């Protein structure tokens, strides 16, 4: 998934998308995520998401025969939120238009 404004990949991806990239079933990915063993997975509300950069870094580690370095979902979530904040801060500021008005009573 990409952000339509800057065409860069989003900070996160869905668990099914990551499972396809890894070549495992979605059910196995969910089992691994529940046990904090799926690279980059964290729970946000009822949804399980995967931090894209952590996932790719962990795949590289696994490819070299190393163990997972980042298996704490809370730390992965904190990293994802920090990355999202940084990306939002880097977006150009635009002037509000008439479609941005909320609660005008009109």
C-alpha atoms as a PDB file:
ATOM      1  CA  UNK A   1       0.000   0.000   0.000  1.00  0.00           C
ATOM      2  CA  UNK A   2       1.316   3.458  -0.803  1.00  0.00           C
ATOM      3  CA  UNK A   3       0.470   6.934   0.347  1.00  0.00           C
ATOM      4  CA  UNK A   4      -1.183   8.700  -2.587  1.00  0.00           C
ATOM      5  CA  UNK A   5       0.573  11.979  -1.783  1.00  0.00           C
ATOM      6  CA  UNK A   6       4.201  10.879  -2.031  1.00  0.00           C
ATOM      7  CA  UNK A   7       4.080   7.405  -3.615  1.00  0.00           C
ATOM      8  CA  UNK A   8       6.320   5.896  -0.929  1.00  0.00           C
ATOM      9  CA  UNK A   9       5.365   2.638   0.791  1.00  0.00           C
ATOM     10  CA  UNK A  10       3.361   3.009   3.994  1.00  0.00           C
ATOM     11  CA  UNK A  11       5.042   2.468   7.351  1.00  0.00           C
ATOM     12  CA  UNK A  12       3.016  -0.698   7.884  1.00  0.00           C
ATOM     13  CA  UNK A  13       1.620  -3.558   5.857  1.00  0.00           C
ATOM     14  CA  UNK A  14      -1.143  -6.015   6.584  1.00  0.00           C
ATOM     15  CA  UNK A  15      -0.341  -9.382   8.113  1.00  0.00           C
ATOM     16  CA  UNK A  16      -1.702 -11.235   5.039  1.00  0.00           C
ATOM     17  CA  UNK A  17       0.564  -9.155   2.760  1.00  0.00           C
ATOM     18  CA  UNK A  18       3.605  -9.939   4.932  1.00  0.00           C
ATOM     19  CA  UNK A  19       2.637 -13.625   5.082  1.00  0.00           C
ATOM     20  CA  UNK A  20       2.533 -13.768   1.269  1.00  0.00           C
ATOM     21  CA  UNK A  21       5.973 -12.147   1.079  1.00  0.00           C
ATOM     22  CA  UNK A  22       7.298 -14.679   3.583  1.00  0.00           C
ATOM     23  CA  UNK A  23       5.603 -17.583   1.792  1.00  0.00           C
ATOM     24  CA  UNK A  24       3.520 -18.800   4.745  1.00  0.00           C
ATOM     25  CA  UNK A  25      -0.211 -19.125   5.261  1.00  0.00           C
ATOM     26  CA  UNK A  26      -2.177 -16.352   6.915  1.00  0.00           C
ATOM     27  CA  UNK A  27      -3.214 -18.699   9.733  1.00  0.00           C
ATOM     28  CA  UNK A  28       0.424 -19.570  10.491  1.00  0.00           C
ATOM     29  CA  UNK A  29       1.306 -15.867  10.382  1.00  0.00           C
ATOM     30  CA  UNK A  30      -1.454 -15.132  12.929  1.00  0.00           C
ATOM     31  CA  UNK A  31      -0.242 -17.936  15.199  1.00  0.00           C
ATOM     32  CA  UNK A  32       3.317 -16.611  15.037  1.00  0.00           C
ATOM     33  CA  UNK A  33       2.140 -13.027  15.648  1.00  0.00           C
ATOM     34  CA  UNK A  34       0.221 -14.118  18.759  1.00  0.00           C
ATOM     35  CA  UNK A  35       3.458 -15.645  20.099  1.00  0.00           C
ATOM     36  CA  UNK A  36       5.504 -12.535  19.134  1.00  0.00           C
ATOM     37  CA  UNK A  37       7.414 -14.633  16.606  1.00  0.00           C
ATOM     38  CA  UNK A  38       6.334 -12.934  13.365  1.00  0.00           C
ATOM     39  CA  UNK A  39       8.886 -10.315  12.277  1.00  0.00           C
ATOM     40  CA  UNK A  40       7.655  -6.757  12.838  1.00  0.00           C
ATOM     41  CA  UNK A  41       4.111  -7.727  13.903  1.00  0.00           C
ATOM     42  CA  UNK A  42       2.191  -5.680  16.465  1.00  0.00           C
ATOM     43  CA  UNK A  43      -1.447  -5.314  17.437  1.00  0.00           C
ATOM     44  CA  UNK A  44      -3.232  -2.017  16.913  1.00  0.00           C
ATOM     45  CA  UNK A  45      -6.746  -2.189  18.278  1.00  0.00           C
ATOM     46  CA  UNK A  46      -8.132  -5.484  16.937  1.00  0.00           C
ATOM     47  CA  UNK A  47      -5.867  -5.486  13.878  1.00  0.00           C
ATOM     48  CA  UNK A  48      -2.453  -7.074  13.528  1.00  0.00           C
ATOM     49  CA  UNK A  49      -0.115  -4.941  11.422  1.00  0.00           C
ATOM     50  CA  UNK A  50       3.500  -5.398  10.392  1.00  0.00           C
ATOM     51  CA  UNK A  51       6.077  -2.618  10.514  1.00  0.00           C
ATOM     52  CA  UNK A  52       7.502  -2.719   6.990  1.00  0.00           C
ATOM     53  CA  UNK A  53      11.103  -1.722   7.802  1.00  0.00           C
ATOM     54  CA  UNK A  54      11.384  -4.026  10.841  1.00  0.00           C
ATOM     55  CA  UNK A  55       9.954  -6.872   8.727  1.00  0.00           C
ATOM     56  CA  UNK A  56      12.514  -6.346   5.960  1.00  0.00           C
ATOM     57  CA  UNK A  57      15.403  -6.002   8.439  1.00  0.00           C
ATOM     58  CA  UNK A  58      14.347  -9.175  10.238  1.00  0.00           C
ATOM     59  CA  UNK A  59      14.049 -11.091   6.944  1.00  0.00           C
ATOM     60  CA  UNK A  60      17.630 -10.093   6.156  1.00  0.00           C
ATOM     61  CA  UNK A  61      18.734 -11.329   9.602  1.00  0.00           C
ATOM     62  CA  UNK A  62      16.882 -14.621   9.154  1.00  0.00           C
ATOM     63  CA  UNK A  63      18.449 -14.992   5.703  1.00  0.00           C
ATOM     64  CA  UNK A  64      21.874 -14.762   7.326  1.00  0.00           C
ATOM     65  CA  UNK A  65      20.893 -17.475   9.834  1.00  0.00           C
ATOM     66  CA  UNK A  66      20.515 -15.061  12.755  1.00  0.00           C
ATOM     67  CA  UNK A  67      17.648 -14.982  15.256  1.00  0.00           C
ATOM     68  CA  UNK A  68      14.999 -12.257  15.416  1.00  0.00           C
ATOM     69  CA  UNK A  69      16.324  -9.083  16.986  1.00  0.00           C
ATOM     70  CA  UNK A  70      13.051  -7.198  17.462  1.00  0.00           C
ATOM     71  CA  UNK A  71      10.410  -9.520  18.890  1.00  0.00           C
ATOM     72  CA  UNK A  72       8.761  -7.164  21.391  1.00  0.00           C
ATOM     73  CA  UNK A  73       5.435  -6.013  19.838  1.00  0.00           C
ATOM     74  CA  UNK A  74       5.333  -2.909  22.054  1.00  0.00           C
ATOM     75  CA  UNK A  75       8.727  -1.750  20.786  1.00  0.00           C
ATOM     76  CA  UNK A  76       7.701  -2.469  17.196  1.00  0.00           C
ATOM     77  CA  UNK A  77       4.505  -0.430  17.691  1.00  0.00           C
ATOM     78  CA  UNK A  78       6.478   2.447  19.210  1.00  0.00           C
ATOM     79  CA  UNK A  79       8.867   2.386  16.251  1.00  0.00           C
ATOM     80  CA  UNK A  80       5.968   2.321  13.766  1.00  0.00           C
ATOM     81  CA  UNK A  81       4.291   5.276  15.483  1.00  0.00           C
ATOM     82  CA  UNK A  82       7.566   7.229  15.513  1.00  0.00           C
ATOM     83  CA  UNK A  83       8.098   6.542  11.822  1.00  0.00           C
ATOM     84  CA  UNK A  84       4.533   7.610  11.025  1.00  0.00           C
ATOM     85  CA  UNK A  85       4.952  10.851  13.006  1.00  0.00           C
ATOM     86  CA  UNK A  86       8.212  11.618  11.199  1.00  0.00           C
ATOM     87  CA  UNK A  87       6.574  10.983   7.837  1.00  0.00           C
ATOM     88  CA  UNK A  88       3.639  13.267   8.708  1.00  0.00           C
ATOM     89  CA  UNK A  89       5.975  16.013   9.897  1.00  0.00           C
ATOM     90  CA  UNK A  90       7.834  15.842   6.576  1.00  0.00           C
ATOM     91  CA  UNK A  91       4.677  16.343   4.499  1.00  0.00           C
ATOM     92  CA  UNK A  92       4.278  19.794   2.972  1.00  0.00           C
ATOM     93  CA  UNK A  93       1.713  21.986   4.679  1.00  0.00           C
ATOM     94  CA  UNK A  94      -1.244  22.793   2.465  1.00  0.00           C
ATOM     95  CA  UNK A  95      -3.909  25.428   2.829  1.00  0.00           C
ATOM     96  CA  UNK A  96      -7.278  24.102   4.000  1.00  0.00           C
ATOM     97  CA  UNK A  97     -10.043  24.021   1.422  1.00  0.00           C
ATOM     98  CA  UNK A  98     -13.822  24.043   1.731  1.00  0.00           C
ATOM     99  CA  UNK A  99     -13.904  20.236   2.078  1.00  0.00           C
ATOM    100  CA  UNK A 100     -11.812  20.377   5.271  1.00  0.00           C
ATOM    101  CA  UNK A 101     -14.482  22.250   7.253  1.00  0.00           C
ATOM    102  CA  UNK A 102     -16.095  20.102   9.928  1.00  0.00           C
ATOM    103  CA  UNK A 103     -19.049  21.055  12.082  1.00  0.00           C
ATOM    104  CA  UNK A 104     -19.795  24.346  10.369  1.00  0.00           C
ATOM    105  CA  UNK A 105     -23.506  23.885  10.876  1.00  0.00           C
ATOM    106  CA  UNK A 106     -24.225  24.466   7.207  1.00  0.00           C
END
